[in-house]
Protein backbone atom coordinates (compact mmCIF):
# COMPACT_ATOMS: atom_id res chain seq x y z
CA UNK A 1 20.40 -13.83 -3.09
CA UNK A 2 18.49 -13.13 0.14
CA UNK A 3 14.84 -14.07 0.31
CA UNK A 4 12.61 -11.04 0.85
CA UNK A 5 9.43 -10.93 2.91
CA UNK A 6 6.19 -9.58 1.48
CA UNK A 7 3.74 -7.76 3.73
CA UNK A 8 0.25 -7.03 2.45
CA UNK A 9 -1.16 -3.79 3.87
CA UNK A 10 -4.95 -3.61 3.32
CA UNK A 11 -7.12 -0.55 3.61
CA UNK A 12 -10.40 0.31 5.29
CA UNK A 13 -12.48 -2.79 5.96
CA UNK A 14 -9.54 -5.14 5.28
CA UNK A 15 -9.35 -6.91 1.93
CA UNK A 16 -12.12 -9.48 1.80
CA UNK A 17 -11.71 -12.99 0.40
CA UNK A 18 -12.43 -11.88 -3.18
CA UNK A 19 -10.05 -8.88 -3.16
CA UNK A 20 -6.86 -8.99 -5.27
CA UNK A 21 -4.69 -8.78 -2.12
CA UNK A 22 -6.36 -11.90 -0.71
CA UNK A 23 -6.08 -13.64 -4.09
CA UNK A 24 -2.38 -12.77 -4.15
CA UNK A 25 -1.89 -14.10 -0.62
CA UNK A 26 -3.59 -17.39 -1.51
CA UNK A 27 -1.30 -17.74 -4.56
CA UNK A 28 1.77 -16.94 -2.44
CA UNK A 29 1.20 -18.37 1.07
CA UNK A 30 4.50 -16.93 2.35
CA UNK A 31 3.08 -13.41 1.94
CA UNK A 32 1.92 -12.11 5.33
CA UNK A 33 -0.81 -9.60 6.12
CA UNK A 34 -0.47 -6.64 8.45
CA UNK A 35 -3.36 -6.97 10.89
CA UNK A 36 -5.17 -4.01 12.44
CA UNK A 37 -7.16 -3.88 15.68
CA UNK A 38 -10.20 -2.34 13.96
CA UNK A 39 -10.55 -2.46 10.20
CA UNK A 40 -13.72 -0.34 10.14
CA UNK A 41 -12.73 2.49 12.51
CA UNK A 42 -9.11 3.18 11.56
CA UNK A 43 -6.87 5.16 13.89
CA UNK A 44 -3.70 6.45 12.30
CA UNK A 45 -1.39 5.87 15.27
CA UNK A 46 -2.62 2.31 15.78
CA UNK A 47 -2.34 1.43 12.10
CA UNK A 48 1.18 2.88 11.88
CA UNK A 49 2.21 0.96 15.02
CA UNK A 50 0.85 -2.31 13.57
CA UNK A 51 2.86 -1.74 10.40
CA UNK A 52 6.01 -0.98 12.40
CA UNK A 53 5.53 -4.14 14.48
CA UNK A 54 5.03 -6.28 11.36
CA UNK A 55 8.11 -4.89 9.60
CA UNK A 56 10.20 -5.22 12.77
CA UNK A 57 9.20 -8.90 13.04
CA UNK A 58 10.36 -9.69 9.49
CA UNK A 59 13.66 -11.54 9.27
CA UNK A 60 14.47 -10.45 5.71
CA UNK A 61 14.21 -7.33 3.54
CA UNK A 62 10.54 -6.35 3.18
CA UNK A 63 8.38 -5.50 0.18
CA UNK A 64 5.14 -3.74 1.14
CA UNK A 65 2.02 -4.23 -0.99
CA UNK A 66 -0.56 -1.65 0.07
CA UNK A 67 -4.03 -0.81 -1.15
CA UNK A 68 -6.15 2.28 -0.50
CA UNK A 69 -5.87 3.42 3.15
CA UNK A 70 -2.97 0.98 3.51
CA UNK A 71 -1.06 3.31 1.15
CA UNK A 72 -1.57 6.22 3.53
CA UNK A 73 -0.50 4.01 6.44
CA UNK A 74 2.74 3.21 4.61
CA UNK A 75 3.31 6.87 3.71
CA UNK A 76 2.81 8.10 7.29
CA UNK A 77 5.03 5.34 8.67
CA UNK A 78 7.73 5.91 6.05
CA UNK A 79 8.07 9.66 6.55
CA UNK A 80 8.28 9.17 10.32
CA UNK A 81 11.35 7.04 9.68
CA UNK A 82 10.41 4.38 12.22
CA UNK A 83 13.09 2.15 13.65
CA UNK A 84 12.39 -0.62 11.10
CA UNK A 85 12.07 1.52 7.97
CA UNK A 86 15.55 0.49 6.82
CA UNK A 87 14.29 -3.08 6.37
CA UNK A 88 11.95 -2.04 3.55
CA UNK A 89 13.37 -2.67 0.09
CA UNK A 90 10.32 -1.47 -1.85
CA UNK A 91 6.64 -0.64 -1.70
CA UNK A 92 3.81 -0.92 -4.21
CA UNK A 93 1.05 1.54 -3.29
CA UNK A 94 -2.15 0.82 -5.22
CA UNK A 95 -5.06 3.29 -5.39
CA UNK A 96 -4.10 5.74 -2.64
CA UNK A 97 -7.22 7.61 -1.49
CA UNK A 98 -7.45 11.37 -1.07
CA UNK A 99 -7.97 11.35 2.71
CA UNK A 100 -8.10 15.16 2.70
CA UNK A 101 -11.20 15.24 0.49
CA UNK A 102 -14.69 15.11 1.96
CA UNK A 103 -15.94 14.78 -1.62
CA UNK A 104 -13.92 11.67 -2.44
CA UNK A 105 -13.49 9.72 0.79
CA UNK A 106 -15.61 8.67 3.77
CA UNK A 107 -15.19 10.37 7.15
CA UNK A 108 -13.59 7.26 8.68
CA UNK A 109 -10.36 7.95 6.78
CA UNK A 110 -10.02 11.68 7.38
CA UNK A 111 -7.93 11.01 10.50
CA UNK A 112 -5.12 10.05 8.09
CA UNK A 113 -4.92 13.66 6.82
CA UNK A 114 -2.83 15.51 6.00
CA UNK A 115 -1.28 13.37 3.31
CA UNK A 116 2.48 13.15 3.89
CA UNK A 117 4.40 14.96 1.17
CA UNK A 118 8.01 14.05 2.00
CA UNK A 119 9.97 11.44 0.02
CA UNK A 120 9.71 7.90 1.33
CA UNK A 121 13.05 6.32 2.29
CA UNK A 122 12.59 3.24 0.11
CA UNK A 123 11.82 2.49 -3.54
CA UNK A 124 8.15 3.18 -4.09
CA UNK A 125 5.77 2.62 -6.98
CA UNK A 126 2.31 4.23 -6.98
CA UNK A 127 -0.32 2.75 -9.28
CA UNK A 128 -3.53 4.72 -9.67
CA UNK A 129 -6.66 4.66 -11.79
CA UNK A 130 -8.04 7.46 -13.94
CA UNK A 131 -11.59 6.88 -12.69
CA UNK A 132 -10.98 6.07 -9.02
CA UNK A 133 -13.88 7.54 -7.04
CA UNK A 134 -11.59 8.01 -4.01
CA UNK A 135 -8.89 10.13 -5.67
CA UNK A 136 -8.49 12.10 -8.89
CA UNK A 137 -5.61 10.82 -11.04
CA UNK A 138 -3.83 14.19 -10.79
CA UNK A 139 -3.99 13.96 -7.00
CA UNK A 140 -2.57 10.42 -7.02
CA UNK A 141 0.23 11.55 -9.31
CA UNK A 142 0.92 14.40 -6.88
CA UNK A 143 1.21 11.90 -4.03
CA UNK A 144 3.78 9.95 -6.06
CA UNK A 145 5.80 13.09 -6.79
CA UNK A 146 5.87 14.06 -3.10
CA UNK A 147 6.86 10.55 -2.05
CA UNK A 148 9.62 10.34 -4.67
CA UNK A 149 7.82 7.38 -6.23
CA UNK A 150 7.54 6.00 -9.72
CA UNK A 151 4.00 6.54 -11.02
CA UNK A 152 1.94 4.13 -13.10
CA UNK A 153 -1.26 5.40 -14.71
CA UNK A 154 -3.31 2.22 -14.67
CA UNK A 155 -6.03 3.55 -16.97
CA UNK A 156 -9.69 3.10 -16.04
CA UNK A 157 -9.53 0.58 -13.19
CA UNK A 158 -11.90 2.32 -10.74
CA UNK A 159 -10.64 1.69 -7.16
CA UNK A 160 -8.89 -1.56 -8.09
CA UNK A 161 -10.93 -3.47 -5.53
CA UNK A 162 -13.50 -6.26 -5.48
CA UNK A 163 -16.34 -3.96 -6.55
CA UNK A 164 -14.28 -3.03 -9.63
CA UNK A 165 -13.64 -6.70 -10.46
CA UNK A 166 -10.20 -7.23 -8.91
CA UNK A 167 -10.25 -10.43 -7.66
CA UNK A 168 -7.61 -12.05 -9.68
CA UNK A 169 -5.24 -9.35 -10.92
CA UNK A 170 -2.36 -10.87 -12.91
CA UNK A 171 -0.94 -7.44 -13.86
CA UNK A 172 -0.69 -6.53 -10.17
CA UNK A 173 0.92 -9.87 -9.39
CA UNK A 174 3.57 -9.22 -12.05
CA UNK A 175 4.38 -5.84 -10.47
CA UNK A 176 4.69 -7.47 -7.05
CA UNK A 177 6.93 -10.25 -8.34
CA UNK A 178 9.14 -7.73 -10.17
CA UNK A 179 9.60 -5.72 -6.96
CA UNK A 180 10.28 -8.91 -5.04
CA UNK A 181 12.98 -9.96 -7.55
CA UNK A 182 14.58 -6.51 -7.35
CA UNK A 183 14.58 -6.69 -3.53
CA UNK A 184 16.15 -10.15 -3.53
CA UNK A 185 18.78 -9.21 -6.13
CA UNK A 186 19.69 -6.07 -4.20
CA UNK A 187 19.91 -7.73 -0.78
């Protein structure tokens, strides 16, 4: 069984110390974070390049764990079929925002529109919330369909971030560990 690498892909503003992605990284120190040049003024091309560089540097199959704008970064990178995309075994995309909606998302993220609608070339799971202020559940489900992803309706979890109380998120950790096991068994 090959050991897989986990890359955490945060969204706008990065995931602060109390965010579930940071909690997960503290619990699993081998998990690495994709770093961006500017977390508060995202530029699609730069964010996609940072993801490509991080995946290319991994020495094992990769599992991507993205939140919010990180989901859109993964989607754009995946449909472009970058040189390292074959290294990705799976991706968990949590709370993808509707970057095409001025009603739901801030202007800083609109440069990530349009939302890619082609299937991603790796196993993908989208988890969304029914009351996410950044995307209607039907829209999130539509993203999953376009990306060829499994869809999990998480119920009323808001944006699944620190403001919504996610911090520690054992259910999310279980999903990550399941994907990691699948990646290692399939390698």
